[in-house]
């Protein structure tokens, strides 16, 4: 009820084009076949390339817009399977404090709900350095920034969820941490892939 009142007073607007009534409209982010990319050990699928409306949506997600997280989660749900738990890539504690939430975790929760899957917050970021704004070389050199915090993943097959795949280093780092804890990780789903990675 309270949410409906808020929507009436402050209608949701599309993160892509700014029109009201939807957090992410179909015109800006249509339902289309995923873009597929391969990192060193992971099969990565994305809604599209990082630019335009998807870039705006990711920025809104990072800024804590729960409506955009829900809209992206709904679109990402088609990638997920009910039998494969979702592990969101966590942000740093400092960024969580600033934003008041973890956008990827919120999006993954919506995706899991829609897909009938479970969500496991099984990773912790132990490096406080943010990837945004780093050069490609700096990103590739940023390793061992994550650790698995739950022994429950041992023997499980899980899938990683993140917002953007630029070099693939973060996803590979997370997969390595999970594998060290005994999990099987072969797939990752992201909102967007950096344009130069999309066709490799």
Foldseek 3Di string as FASTA:
>chain_A
DVVVVCCVVPFAADLQPGHGDAVHDCVQQPQDAWQWFDDPFAIETASEACDHSLVSLLVVLLLPDLRSLLVLLLSQLVVDAQQAEEAEQFAAPVSCVVNVHTSQVSSVVNSCVNRNHHYDPFKHFQDNDDPPPDDPVVLQPDAPRMAGDDLVQAPGEHEYEYAEAENCRSVVRVCVRSVVSHHHYHYYYYHHYHVVRRPD
